[in-house]
Protein backbone atom coordinates (compact mmCIF):
# COMPACT_ATOMS: atom_id res chain seq x y z
CA MET A 1 -223.33 -82.54 44.07
CA GLN A 2 -224.68 -79.02 44.45
CA THR A 3 -222.15 -78.31 47.20
CA GLU A 4 -219.35 -79.59 44.97
CA GLN A 5 -220.50 -77.35 42.11
CA ALA A 6 -220.69 -74.34 44.42
CA ALA A 7 -217.20 -75.06 45.72
CA ALA A 8 -215.87 -75.37 42.17
CA ALA A 9 -217.52 -72.07 41.24
CA ASP A 10 -216.04 -70.37 44.28
CA SER A 11 -212.62 -71.71 43.37
CA VAL A 12 -212.83 -70.32 39.84
CA ILE A 13 -213.95 -66.92 41.14
CA ASP A 14 -211.30 -66.87 43.87
CA ILE A 15 -208.53 -67.59 41.38
CA ALA A 16 -209.79 -64.96 38.93
CA LEU A 17 -210.07 -62.27 41.60
CA ALA A 18 -206.68 -63.11 43.06
CA ASP A 19 -205.20 -62.71 39.58
CA LEU A 20 -206.96 -59.36 39.23
CA ALA A 21 -205.70 -58.16 42.61
CA GLU A 22 -202.18 -58.77 41.36
CA GLY A 23 -203.07 -57.33 37.97
CA GLU A 24 -204.30 -54.13 39.58
CA ARG A 25 -200.79 -53.45 40.81
CA ARG A 26 -199.41 -53.93 37.31
CA TRP A 27 -202.17 -51.78 35.80
CA SER A 28 -201.51 -48.96 38.27
CA GLY A 29 -197.87 -48.95 37.22
CA LEU A 30 -198.61 -48.91 33.49
CA PRO A 31 -198.19 -45.38 32.09
CA LEU A 32 -200.68 -43.87 29.69
CA SER A 33 -198.40 -44.69 26.76
CA GLY A 34 -198.46 -48.34 27.80
CA ARG A 35 -202.22 -48.31 28.10
CA ARG A 36 -202.49 -46.85 24.62
CA ALA A 37 -200.25 -49.59 23.30
CA VAL A 38 -202.55 -52.20 24.87
CA LEU A 39 -205.61 -50.64 23.24
CA ALA A 40 -203.81 -50.49 19.89
CA ARG A 41 -203.03 -54.21 20.10
CA MET A 42 -206.65 -54.91 20.97
CA ARG A 43 -207.87 -52.91 17.98
CA ALA A 44 -205.62 -54.91 15.68
CA LEU A 45 -206.86 -58.13 17.26
CA THR A 46 -210.45 -56.98 16.79
CA GLY A 47 -209.77 -56.67 13.08
CA ARG A 48 -208.01 -60.04 12.96
CA TYR A 49 -210.83 -61.89 14.71
CA ALA A 50 -213.80 -59.82 13.50
CA GLN A 51 -215.01 -62.59 11.21
CA ASP A 52 -214.86 -65.10 14.07
CA TRP A 53 -216.79 -62.63 16.25
CA VAL A 54 -219.55 -62.27 13.65
CA ASP A 55 -219.66 -65.99 12.87
CA ALA A 56 -220.20 -66.77 16.54
CA ALA A 57 -222.93 -64.12 16.81
CA VAL A 58 -224.65 -65.49 13.71
CA ARG A 59 -224.73 -68.96 15.26
CA VAL A 60 -226.11 -67.60 18.53
CA LYS A 61 -228.89 -65.74 16.74
CA GLY A 62 -229.67 -68.41 14.18
CA LEU A 63 -229.15 -66.09 11.21
CA ASP A 64 -228.54 -67.26 7.67
CA PRO A 65 -224.85 -66.46 7.10
CA ALA A 66 -225.77 -65.18 3.63
CA SER A 67 -228.48 -62.81 4.92
CA PRO A 68 -228.04 -59.02 4.79
CA LEU A 69 -229.12 -59.09 8.45
CA VAL A 70 -225.60 -60.24 9.31
CA GLY A 71 -224.68 -56.60 8.83
CA GLU A 72 -226.24 -55.91 12.21
CA GLU A 73 -223.62 -58.14 13.82
CA TRP A 74 -220.75 -56.40 12.05
CA LEU A 75 -221.92 -52.93 13.06
CA SER A 76 -223.01 -53.69 16.63
CA GLY A 77 -220.05 -55.98 17.25
CA PRO A 78 -216.49 -55.45 16.00
CA TYR A 79 -217.20 -52.12 14.24
CA VAL A 80 -218.37 -50.21 17.30
CA PHE A 81 -215.78 -51.85 19.55
CA ALA A 82 -212.89 -50.94 17.24
CA THR A 83 -214.09 -47.35 16.85
CA SER A 84 -214.36 -47.06 20.62
CA LEU A 85 -210.83 -48.35 21.16
CA THR A 86 -209.58 -45.69 18.75
CA ALA A 87 -211.48 -42.90 20.51
CA VAL A 88 -210.37 -43.97 23.99
CA SER A 89 -206.77 -44.24 22.81
CA ARG A 90 -206.91 -40.67 21.53
CA THR A 91 -208.18 -39.54 24.92
CA LEU A 92 -205.22 -41.21 26.63
CA GLU A 93 -202.87 -39.63 24.12
CA SER A 94 -204.24 -36.17 24.99
CA LEU A 95 -203.84 -36.80 28.70
CA GLU A 96 -200.32 -38.09 28.13
CA ARG A 97 -199.46 -34.75 26.48
CA GLY A 98 -200.97 -32.88 29.41
CA ALA A 99 -203.93 -31.72 27.33
CA SER A 100 -207.64 -32.12 27.96
CA PRO A 101 -209.45 -34.67 25.76
CA LEU A 102 -211.79 -31.73 25.05
CA ALA A 103 -209.02 -29.31 24.11
CA ASN A 104 -210.13 -29.23 20.47
CA ALA A 105 -213.79 -30.04 21.03
CA LYS A 106 -216.53 -27.83 19.62
CA PHE A 107 -218.67 -26.39 22.40
CA GLY A 108 -222.11 -24.89 22.00
CA THR A 109 -225.23 -24.13 23.99
CA ALA A 110 -228.74 -25.55 24.03
CA SER A 111 -231.59 -24.70 26.37
CA GLY A 112 -229.30 -23.17 28.97
CA ARG A 113 -226.78 -26.02 28.88
CA VAL A 114 -223.29 -26.30 27.47
CA THR A 115 -222.98 -28.88 24.69
CA VAL A 116 -220.04 -30.79 23.21
CA GLN A 117 -220.11 -31.95 19.58
CA ALA A 118 -219.54 -35.70 19.65
CA LEU A 119 -220.24 -36.43 15.97
CA PRO A 120 -218.60 -35.75 13.61
CA THR A 121 -215.14 -35.61 15.15
CA ASP A 122 -213.12 -35.81 11.92
CA LEU A 123 -213.41 -36.04 8.16
CA TYR A 124 -213.92 -39.80 8.29
CA ASP A 125 -217.07 -39.25 10.36
CA GLU A 126 -218.26 -36.60 7.91
CA LEU A 127 -217.98 -39.07 5.06
CA LEU A 128 -219.01 -42.36 6.63
CA LEU A 129 -221.87 -40.98 8.75
CA SER A 130 -222.87 -38.15 6.47
CA GLY A 131 -225.93 -36.31 7.66
CA PHE A 132 -225.69 -37.49 11.27
CA ARG A 133 -224.76 -35.27 14.19
CA ALA A 134 -224.51 -35.84 17.94
CA GLU A 135 -224.06 -33.53 20.90
CA VAL A 136 -223.42 -34.35 24.52
CA TRP A 137 -225.41 -32.02 26.77
CA LEU A 138 -223.76 -31.24 30.07
CA GLN A 139 -225.76 -30.85 33.24
CA ARG A 140 -226.93 -27.38 34.14
CA GLY A 141 -224.16 -25.34 35.74
CA VAL A 142 -221.30 -27.29 34.13
CA GLY A 143 -219.36 -24.87 31.95
CA SER A 144 -216.91 -25.50 29.16
CA GLU A 145 -213.84 -24.74 31.29
CA ALA A 146 -214.94 -27.16 34.00
CA ALA A 147 -215.69 -29.75 31.33
CA ARG A 148 -212.20 -29.41 29.87
CA ALA A 149 -210.56 -29.57 33.29
CA ASN A 150 -212.47 -32.66 34.45
CA ALA A 151 -212.44 -34.65 31.22
CA GLY A 152 -210.35 -37.74 31.77
CA LEU A 153 -212.10 -38.97 34.91
CA ALA A 154 -209.96 -41.59 36.67
CA GLN A 155 -207.23 -41.37 34.02
CA LEU A 156 -206.33 -37.93 35.34
CA ASP A 157 -204.49 -39.90 38.02
CA PRO A 158 -203.76 -43.27 36.41
CA THR A 159 -201.64 -44.58 39.28
CA HIS A 160 -204.64 -44.36 41.64
CA THR A 161 -206.68 -47.47 40.90
CA HIS A 162 -210.03 -48.35 42.44
CA GLY A 163 -210.06 -52.08 43.00
CA ILE A 164 -211.91 -54.76 41.09
CA GLY A 165 -215.11 -54.12 39.16
CA ALA A 166 -217.53 -56.90 38.23
CA VAL A 167 -219.27 -56.43 34.88
CA LEU A 168 -222.37 -58.51 34.19
CA GLY A 169 -222.66 -58.70 30.42
CA ALA A 170 -225.76 -58.45 28.26
CA GLY A 171 -227.10 -61.25 26.09
CA ASN A 172 -228.40 -59.31 23.10
CA ILE A 173 -225.82 -56.95 21.52
CA THR A 174 -222.41 -58.60 21.49
CA SER A 175 -220.35 -55.43 21.95
CA ILE A 176 -222.07 -54.36 25.18
CA ALA A 177 -219.95 -56.51 27.50
CA PRO A 178 -216.61 -55.61 25.84
CA LEU A 179 -217.48 -51.89 25.79
CA ASP A 180 -218.60 -51.91 29.42
CA THR A 181 -215.37 -53.66 30.37
CA ILE A 182 -213.25 -50.99 28.69
CA TYR A 183 -215.27 -48.23 30.33
CA GLU A 184 -214.89 -49.74 33.79
CA LEU A 185 -211.17 -50.15 33.22
CA ILE A 186 -210.51 -46.70 31.76
CA ALA A 187 -213.15 -44.33 33.13
CA HIS A 188 -213.02 -45.75 36.66
CA ASN A 189 -209.52 -47.26 36.65
CA ARG A 190 -210.78 -50.58 37.98
CA VAL A 191 -209.55 -53.96 36.79
CA VAL A 192 -212.44 -56.10 35.61
CA ALA A 193 -214.02 -59.48 36.15
CA LEU A 194 -216.37 -59.79 33.17
CA LYS A 195 -219.15 -62.36 33.57
CA LEU A 196 -220.69 -63.14 30.20
CA ASN A 197 -224.40 -63.67 29.76
CA PRO A 198 -224.90 -67.39 29.02
CA ILE A 199 -226.44 -66.51 25.66
CA THR A 200 -223.11 -65.07 24.53
CA ASP A 201 -220.89 -67.81 25.97
CA PRO A 202 -220.05 -69.01 22.42
CA LEU A 203 -218.14 -65.74 21.97
CA LEU A 204 -215.77 -66.54 24.84
CA PRO A 205 -212.93 -67.82 22.58
CA VAL A 206 -213.13 -64.66 20.46
CA PHE A 207 -213.21 -62.31 23.43
CA GLU A 208 -210.27 -64.11 25.04
CA LYS A 209 -208.23 -63.52 21.88
CA ILE A 210 -209.18 -59.85 21.57
CA PHE A 211 -208.70 -59.14 25.28
CA ALA A 212 -205.45 -61.12 25.40
CA PRO A 213 -203.29 -58.03 26.09
CA LEU A 214 -205.38 -57.15 29.14
CA ILE A 215 -205.70 -60.77 30.23
CA GLU A 216 -201.92 -61.20 30.06
CA LEU A 217 -201.54 -58.06 32.17
CA GLY A 218 -203.99 -59.41 34.75
CA ALA A 219 -206.35 -56.46 34.24
CA VAL A 220 -209.26 -58.53 32.88
CA ARG A 221 -210.67 -61.97 33.58
CA ILE A 222 -213.65 -63.40 31.68
CA LEU A 223 -216.02 -65.80 33.42
CA THR A 224 -218.97 -67.84 32.21
CA GLY A 225 -221.85 -69.53 33.95
CA GLY A 226 -225.38 -68.82 35.09
CA ALA A 227 -226.97 -66.53 37.62
CA GLU A 228 -225.42 -68.40 40.54
CA ILE A 229 -221.91 -67.64 39.30
CA GLY A 230 -222.85 -64.00 38.80
CA GLY A 231 -224.33 -63.82 42.28
CA ARG A 232 -221.25 -65.33 43.88
CA LEU A 233 -219.00 -63.01 41.91
CA ILE A 234 -220.68 -59.76 42.89
CA ALA A 235 -220.98 -60.84 46.54
CA HIS A 236 -217.26 -61.56 46.79
CA GLU A 237 -215.40 -59.36 49.26
CA ARG A 238 -212.71 -58.52 46.68
CA VAL A 239 -215.23 -56.91 44.31
CA ALA A 240 -215.51 -53.16 44.89
CA HIS A 241 -218.09 -52.21 42.28
CA VAL A 242 -220.72 -53.80 40.03
CA HIS A 243 -221.93 -52.74 36.60
CA MET A 244 -224.76 -54.55 34.86
CA THR A 245 -226.81 -54.38 31.68
CA GLY A 246 -230.26 -55.91 31.71
CA SER A 247 -233.69 -55.24 33.14
CA ALA A 248 -234.87 -53.31 36.18
CA VAL A 249 -236.25 -56.59 37.53
CA THR A 250 -232.80 -58.18 37.44
CA HIS A 251 -231.24 -55.07 38.94
CA ASP A 252 -233.67 -55.10 41.87
CA ALA A 253 -233.10 -58.81 42.46
CA ILE A 254 -229.36 -58.11 42.68
CA VAL A 255 -229.69 -55.04 44.91
CA TRP A 256 -232.66 -55.97 47.13
CA GLY A 257 -233.12 -59.71 46.69
CA THR A 258 -236.48 -61.33 45.97
CA GLY A 259 -239.70 -62.10 47.80
CA PRO A 260 -241.12 -60.35 50.86
CA GLU A 261 -237.64 -59.79 52.27
CA ALA A 262 -236.77 -57.62 49.27
CA ALA A 263 -239.73 -55.32 49.91
CA GLU A 264 -238.72 -55.04 53.56
CA ARG A 265 -235.13 -54.18 52.63
CA LYS A 266 -236.28 -51.56 50.14
CA ALA A 267 -238.64 -50.00 52.69
CA ALA A 268 -235.84 -49.90 55.25
CA GLY A 269 -233.23 -48.65 52.78
CA THR A 270 -230.91 -51.57 53.53
CA PRO A 271 -229.88 -53.16 50.21
CA LEU A 272 -228.67 -56.73 50.04
CA LEU A 273 -225.76 -55.64 47.82
CA ASP A 274 -223.10 -54.05 49.99
CA LYS A 275 -221.24 -52.17 47.23
CA PRO A 276 -222.01 -49.51 44.61
CA ILE A 277 -223.69 -50.51 41.36
CA THR A 278 -224.17 -48.75 38.05
CA SER A 279 -226.49 -50.01 35.37
CA GLU A 280 -227.85 -49.66 31.87
CA LEU A 281 -231.41 -50.99 31.83
CA GLY A 282 -234.18 -51.07 29.29
CA GLY A 283 -237.63 -49.60 29.19
CA VAL A 284 -240.47 -48.77 26.82
CA SER A 285 -238.89 -46.47 24.27
CA PRO A 286 -241.24 -44.20 22.31
CA THR A 287 -240.99 -42.66 18.87
CA ILE A 288 -242.86 -39.38 18.49
CA VAL A 289 -244.07 -38.64 14.95
CA LEU A 290 -244.78 -34.93 14.48
CA PRO A 291 -247.55 -34.24 11.98
CA GLY A 292 -246.52 -32.48 8.79
CA GLU A 293 -246.85 -32.58 5.01
CA TRP A 294 -245.03 -35.70 3.86
CA SER A 295 -244.59 -37.14 0.38
CA THR A 296 -245.35 -40.78 -0.34
CA ALA A 297 -241.61 -41.45 -0.36
CA ASP A 298 -241.30 -39.79 3.07
CA LEU A 299 -244.06 -41.98 4.47
CA GLU A 300 -242.47 -45.16 3.17
CA PHE A 301 -238.93 -44.28 4.27
CA GLN A 302 -239.91 -43.27 7.79
CA ALA A 303 -242.13 -46.35 8.11
CA GLU A 304 -239.06 -48.48 7.31
CA HIS A 305 -237.08 -46.37 9.78
CA ILE A 306 -239.51 -47.05 12.63
CA ALA A 307 -239.84 -50.73 11.67
CA THR A 308 -236.05 -50.93 12.01
CA GLN A 309 -236.22 -49.25 15.42
CA ARG A 310 -238.50 -52.09 16.54
CA LEU A 311 -237.22 -55.10 14.58
CA HIS A 312 -233.43 -54.63 14.51
CA ASN A 313 -231.86 -57.65 16.23
CA GLY A 314 -235.30 -59.24 16.28
CA GLY A 315 -236.62 -56.61 18.68
CA TYR A 316 -234.19 -57.62 21.43
CA ASN A 317 -232.69 -54.17 22.04
CA CYS A 318 -233.03 -52.19 25.25
CA VAL A 319 -233.64 -49.09 23.15
CA ALA A 320 -236.01 -50.65 20.61
CA THR A 321 -239.09 -48.56 19.92
CA GLN A 322 -242.08 -50.19 21.59
CA ALA A 323 -244.74 -47.57 20.87
CA VAL A 324 -245.26 -44.81 18.33
CA ILE A 325 -246.99 -41.57 19.36
CA VAL A 326 -248.96 -39.99 16.50
CA SER A 327 -251.48 -37.20 16.16
CA ALA A 328 -255.09 -38.31 15.85
CA ASP A 329 -255.67 -35.08 13.91
CA TRP A 330 -252.89 -35.56 11.36
CA PRO A 331 -254.49 -35.76 7.89
CA GLN A 332 -251.85 -38.28 6.83
CA LYS A 333 -252.15 -40.47 9.93
CA ASP A 334 -253.94 -43.31 8.15
CA ALA A 335 -251.49 -43.25 5.24
CA PHE A 336 -248.59 -43.37 7.70
CA LEU A 337 -250.07 -46.29 9.66
CA THR A 338 -250.69 -48.16 6.41
CA ALA A 339 -247.06 -47.68 5.43
CA LEU A 340 -245.90 -48.72 8.92
CA THR A 341 -248.01 -51.88 8.82
CA ALA A 342 -246.54 -52.78 5.42
CA ALA A 343 -242.98 -52.15 6.64
CA VAL A 344 -243.41 -54.38 9.70
CA GLU A 345 -245.08 -57.03 7.54
CA ARG A 346 -242.34 -57.25 4.90
CA ALA A 347 -239.26 -56.97 7.13
CA PRO A 348 -236.97 -59.99 6.69
CA ALA A 349 -237.72 -63.14 8.66
CA ARG A 350 -235.40 -64.24 11.45
CA PRO A 351 -235.49 -66.70 14.35
CA ALA A 352 -236.77 -65.63 17.77
CA TYR A 353 -233.45 -66.43 19.43
CA TYR A 354 -233.79 -64.58 22.73
CA PRO A 355 -235.14 -66.79 25.54
CA GLY A 356 -238.77 -66.17 26.41
CA SER A 357 -239.56 -64.18 23.27
CA ASP A 358 -242.43 -66.39 22.11
CA GLY A 359 -243.95 -66.31 25.57
CA ARG A 360 -243.79 -62.52 25.71
CA VAL A 361 -245.43 -62.24 22.28
CA ALA A 362 -248.13 -64.65 23.42
CA GLY A 363 -248.66 -62.53 26.53
CA ALA A 364 -249.04 -59.41 24.40
CA ARG A 365 -251.47 -61.25 22.14
CA ALA A 366 -253.53 -62.22 25.17
CA SER A 367 -253.54 -58.64 26.44
CA TYR A 368 -254.39 -57.28 23.00
CA PRO A 369 -256.52 -59.86 21.14
CA ASP A 370 -257.26 -57.37 18.34
CA ALA A 371 -253.57 -56.82 17.52
CA ARG A 372 -252.49 -57.29 13.91
CA GLN A 373 -250.31 -60.38 13.51
CA LEU A 374 -247.72 -59.58 10.90
CA GLY A 375 -244.66 -61.09 9.28
CA PRO A 376 -243.75 -64.75 8.82
CA GLY A 377 -246.04 -66.90 10.97
CA GLY A 378 -247.69 -63.81 12.41
CA GLY A 379 -244.90 -63.52 14.97
CA ARG A 380 -244.91 -59.71 14.98
CA LEU A 381 -247.68 -57.76 16.65
CA LEU A 382 -248.93 -54.28 15.82
CA VAL A 383 -251.25 -52.92 18.49
CA THR A 384 -253.29 -49.81 17.68
CA GLY A 385 -255.72 -47.80 19.75
CA LEU A 386 -253.57 -47.63 22.90
CA ASP A 387 -254.92 -45.24 25.52
CA PRO A 388 -252.16 -43.49 27.48
CA GLU A 389 -254.65 -42.57 30.21
CA SER A 390 -255.40 -46.20 31.02
CA ASP A 391 -253.21 -48.93 32.49
CA GLU A 392 -251.67 -50.18 29.26
CA ALA A 393 -249.31 -53.13 29.68
CA LEU A 394 -247.54 -52.15 26.47
CA LEU A 395 -246.52 -48.79 27.93
CA SER A 396 -245.46 -50.07 31.34
CA ALA A 397 -243.60 -53.32 30.58
CA GLU A 398 -240.69 -53.86 28.22
CA TYR A 399 -241.67 -56.78 25.99
CA PHE A 400 -238.18 -57.33 24.53
CA ALA A 401 -239.86 -58.94 21.54
CA PRO A 402 -241.28 -57.84 18.15
CA VAL A 403 -244.32 -56.05 19.59
CA LEU A 404 -245.10 -52.50 18.46
CA GLY A 405 -247.89 -50.24 19.68
CA VAL A 406 -249.48 -47.05 18.41
CA VAL A 407 -250.72 -44.25 20.70
CA GLU A 408 -252.93 -41.56 19.20
CA ILE A 409 -253.25 -38.23 20.98
CA PRO A 410 -255.06 -35.09 19.82
CA GLY A 411 -253.56 -31.88 18.54
CA THR A 412 -251.20 -30.44 15.97
CA GLY A 413 -248.33 -27.97 16.10
CA PRO A 414 -247.06 -26.86 19.53
CA ASP A 415 -250.07 -28.39 21.31
CA PHE A 416 -249.27 -31.86 19.98
CA ALA A 417 -245.56 -31.43 20.72
CA ARG A 418 -246.25 -30.56 24.37
CA THR A 419 -248.74 -33.38 24.85
CA ALA A 420 -246.43 -35.89 23.16
CA VAL A 421 -243.59 -34.96 25.51
CA ASP A 422 -245.85 -35.23 28.54
CA THR A 423 -247.04 -38.64 27.34
CA ALA A 424 -243.50 -39.91 26.76
CA ASN A 425 -242.30 -38.62 30.12
CA GLU A 426 -245.23 -39.67 32.28
CA LYS A 427 -246.85 -42.69 30.64
CA PHE A 428 -243.87 -44.70 29.36
CA THR A 429 -241.64 -46.78 31.61
CA GLY A 430 -237.92 -45.99 31.38
CA THR A 431 -235.69 -43.09 30.32
CA LEU A 432 -233.04 -44.68 28.08
CA GLY A 433 -233.99 -43.34 24.67
CA VAL A 434 -236.68 -41.48 22.71
CA ASN A 435 -236.94 -40.78 18.98
CA ILE A 436 -238.58 -37.87 17.18
CA VAL A 437 -239.49 -38.02 13.50
CA ALA A 438 -240.23 -34.61 12.01
CA HIS A 439 -240.27 -33.03 8.56
CA PRO A 440 -237.71 -30.18 8.38
CA GLY A 441 -240.55 -27.80 7.58
CA THR A 442 -242.32 -28.85 10.76
CA VAL A 443 -239.17 -28.31 12.82
CA ALA A 444 -238.76 -24.84 11.32
CA ALA A 445 -242.40 -23.97 11.93
CA LEU A 446 -242.21 -25.06 15.58
CA GLY A 447 -239.06 -23.03 16.18
CA ASP A 448 -238.46 -22.58 19.91
CA HIS A 449 -241.26 -25.04 20.64
CA PHE A 450 -239.15 -27.78 19.04
CA ASP A 451 -236.11 -26.85 21.11
CA SER A 452 -238.29 -26.91 24.20
CA MET A 453 -239.55 -30.33 23.21
CA ILE A 454 -236.03 -31.78 23.21
CA GLU A 455 -235.15 -30.03 26.46
CA ARG A 456 -238.25 -31.34 28.27
CA LEU A 457 -237.81 -34.99 27.26
CA ARG A 458 -236.30 -36.83 30.23
CA TYR A 459 -234.26 -39.42 28.33
CA GLY A 460 -230.56 -40.27 28.21
CA THR A 461 -230.51 -40.15 24.40
CA VAL A 462 -232.86 -38.10 22.25
CA ALA A 463 -232.71 -38.78 18.50
CA VAL A 464 -234.22 -36.47 15.87
CA ASN A 465 -234.81 -38.15 12.49
CA ALA A 466 -232.40 -40.85 13.62
CA TRP A 467 -232.61 -43.89 15.82
CA THR A 468 -231.09 -43.52 19.28
CA ALA A 469 -228.88 -46.51 18.44
CA VAL A 470 -226.76 -44.05 16.44
CA GLY A 471 -225.80 -42.70 19.85
CA TYR A 472 -224.75 -46.20 20.86
CA LEU A 473 -222.55 -46.43 17.76
CA THR A 474 -220.88 -43.08 18.52
CA PRO A 475 -218.02 -43.70 20.97
CA THR A 476 -217.64 -40.07 22.00
CA ALA A 477 -221.33 -39.86 22.92
CA SER A 478 -222.72 -40.99 26.26
CA TRP A 479 -224.99 -43.98 26.69
CA GLY A 480 -227.28 -44.50 29.64
CA ALA A 481 -230.46 -43.40 31.34
CA TYR A 482 -231.45 -39.83 32.15
CA PRO A 483 -229.67 -38.85 35.38
CA GLY A 484 -231.34 -38.88 38.77
CA HIS A 485 -232.47 -42.47 39.27
CA THR A 486 -231.83 -44.18 42.59
CA LEU A 487 -231.37 -47.74 43.80
CA ASP A 488 -234.99 -47.98 44.95
CA ASP A 489 -236.36 -46.36 41.76
CA VAL A 490 -233.81 -47.36 39.17
CA SER A 491 -235.91 -47.03 35.98
CA SER A 492 -233.42 -47.34 33.08
CA GLY A 493 -230.31 -47.28 35.23
CA ILE A 494 -227.65 -45.24 36.98
CA GLY A 495 -224.54 -43.81 35.33
CA VAL A 496 -223.27 -43.73 31.75
CA VAL A 497 -220.92 -45.77 29.59
CA HIS A 498 -219.09 -45.31 26.25
CA ASN A 499 -218.21 -41.58 26.69
CA ALA A 500 -214.75 -42.01 25.16
CA TRP A 501 -213.72 -38.44 25.99
CA LEU A 502 -214.37 -39.31 29.66
CA ILE A 503 -216.57 -36.25 30.21
CA ASP A 504 -217.89 -35.55 33.69
CA GLY A 505 -221.32 -34.09 34.46
CA ILE A 506 -223.27 -35.47 31.47
CA GLU A 507 -227.02 -35.03 31.19
CA ARG A 508 -227.85 -36.59 27.83
CA THR A 509 -226.86 -37.10 24.20
CA VAL A 510 -228.87 -35.58 21.34
CA VAL A 511 -228.53 -37.22 17.92
CA ARG A 512 -229.79 -35.72 14.66
CA GLY A 513 -230.09 -37.31 11.24
CA PRO A 514 -231.50 -36.53 7.78
CA PHE A 515 -235.27 -36.74 7.27
CA ARG A 516 -234.72 -38.03 3.74
CA PRO A 517 -232.13 -40.41 2.25
CA ALA A 518 -230.05 -39.67 -0.84
CA PRO A 519 -230.68 -38.54 -3.49
CA ARG A 520 -233.80 -36.78 -2.12
CA SER A 521 -231.73 -35.46 0.78
CA VAL A 522 -229.37 -33.62 -1.57
CA LEU A 523 -232.25 -32.19 -3.57
CA ASN A 524 -233.69 -30.83 -0.32
CA ARG A 525 -230.36 -29.48 1.02
CA GLU A 526 -229.79 -32.21 3.58
CA TRP A 527 -226.25 -33.61 3.86
CA ALA A 528 -226.76 -37.36 3.47
CA LEU A 529 -224.95 -39.42 0.86
CA THR A 530 -226.47 -42.89 1.26
CA PRO A 531 -229.89 -44.08 0.08
CA LYS A 532 -230.45 -46.16 3.21
CA PRO A 533 -228.45 -46.41 6.46
CA PRO A 534 -226.69 -49.79 6.81
CA TRP A 535 -228.53 -50.58 10.06
CA PHE A 536 -231.95 -50.58 8.33
CA VAL A 537 -233.40 -54.09 8.37
CA THR A 538 -234.24 -53.65 4.68
CA ASN A 539 -230.74 -52.67 3.56
CA ARG A 540 -229.75 -55.23 0.92
CA THR A 541 -225.98 -54.67 1.19
CA ALA A 542 -225.84 -54.32 4.98
CA ALA A 543 -223.64 -57.38 5.50
CA ARG A 544 -220.98 -56.31 3.01
CA THR A 545 -221.10 -52.67 4.12
CA GLY A 546 -220.89 -53.68 7.77
CA ARG A 547 -217.89 -55.93 7.12
CA LEU A 548 -216.09 -53.17 5.25
CA LEU A 549 -216.86 -50.64 7.98
CA ALA A 550 -215.53 -53.01 10.64
CA ALA A 551 -212.30 -53.50 8.67
CA PHE A 552 -211.95 -49.74 8.36
CA ALA A 553 -212.56 -49.22 12.09
CA ALA A 554 -209.82 -51.70 12.94
CA ASP A 555 -207.38 -50.17 10.43
CA PRO A 556 -208.52 -46.74 9.17
CA ARG A 557 -207.12 -45.99 5.73
CA TRP A 558 -208.32 -43.74 2.90
CA SER A 559 -207.89 -46.61 0.47
CA ARG A 560 -210.73 -48.49 2.18
CA LEU A 561 -213.32 -45.77 1.55
CA PRO A 562 -214.21 -46.38 -2.13
CA ALA A 563 -215.35 -49.94 -1.47
CA ILE A 564 -217.44 -48.79 1.51
CA PHE A 565 -219.13 -46.07 -0.55
CA ALA A 566 -219.76 -48.43 -3.46
CA SER A 567 -221.46 -50.93 -1.16
CA ALA A 568 -223.43 -48.34 0.81
CA LEU A 569 -224.77 -46.66 -2.33
CA ARG A 570 -226.30 -49.97 -3.42
CA GLY A 571 -228.18 -50.40 -0.11
């Protein structure tokens, strides 16, 4: 029986890859105008089937369809995918005209690097994401002229394709697999065999409808099945490249195998996988809270902000905050921790849908018997008193569950900032994303020390008074680990995705947001129009706002804005 199943799996894979081999020839002959037309059709289909997409995600995650939490699925599903299709299409349009995608970009400098403003890119961004900014930092030595010349990556020569890429999809955020597929197809000019994570298999009918233009062309095939199917797919001789989203453990099993043989292969530098692989992996993401003089409203808002960073999507995000770094000498430390405890406690209930979550929480509870058990049924853990100088499991292993720790270190001002950066860089596993929460007065007082803080953090996305997930939602930003990881020390991965302007030589993305929501933001000269971002787990109108934003992303029109603003202002 097992042999018959293996043969059937091989047959499915063989047929899919044969189709893609033929599709590669058609894709190579499709001009940029034709590729833009395909993306335009897909954006329209995303709008048409957005409700089906969200309904399927709600069933997978066991959410109440009437819950505001459904807004998470609108924003991290069809909304971000539609906005990305628009941004990539504009890049192809620029290349078609013989212009660089960065021809009209705003360049700047930061800490000896050239930067590209990735948010806002137009008036719509200014209005819909008011108060949020993002810059892509280029690697040292990459100037603006080189950036303009090289932007476009493989689409600079669209007739030169690069074989078949296998994309192993994630099981948590439903747009990851579609976005990675588009990036493989456009940035690297490879046709794609997408293997869904079994958790997201219920979305197959929706994805087949949205990807229909590329499926008809033979440029994409979507497969389902377990790890065995994925293993057979990536080992196939027709596959030229692999991209995966997941954990470092899964990555190493793919690249080196398992057991004693894997250690021998790694020591010898002879990987089991005989083709290149890129990856976006998780880690233990920190949030650094800089001490300052905060109002009670500041304490409560930022506590909700950090609770969202941990509890969004139930805690099953590769960039979810797992530990907060605070100053032991901050006079308001206890008030902040009280507000944080209350925010974690009162966040809306939801099922623990991701496999193994309860076991990971139980493991954390065993490691930290004094942890506070919060929320419905005590299923959320808050662990205080973590010592970064000891072997803390919470700082070295990604729990991928609603577990949040607190690390206290001494100091204030520049001393605390330096120590916090050292702690985040040296004591936390992974380099995907780090958050900084800081009062504007504190930022001003630190001056160059604050700029140095951002520059020294070795993370692929650094967010100041914002969650790094804003970088994920920004199609023209990059998403991925800090550069420099290798197959035998992969950390949070190799390479970047999203990057709709197809920029070469990226180091990181830096996101900035308002410290205060409206109306306090306006009173304090911060440009933010909404009282609470729609991705906050406590936003009461998140589902309606998310649905309206997704409809706008699929079909941008000024007439859609009043309803979005009316919903967002009630959040």
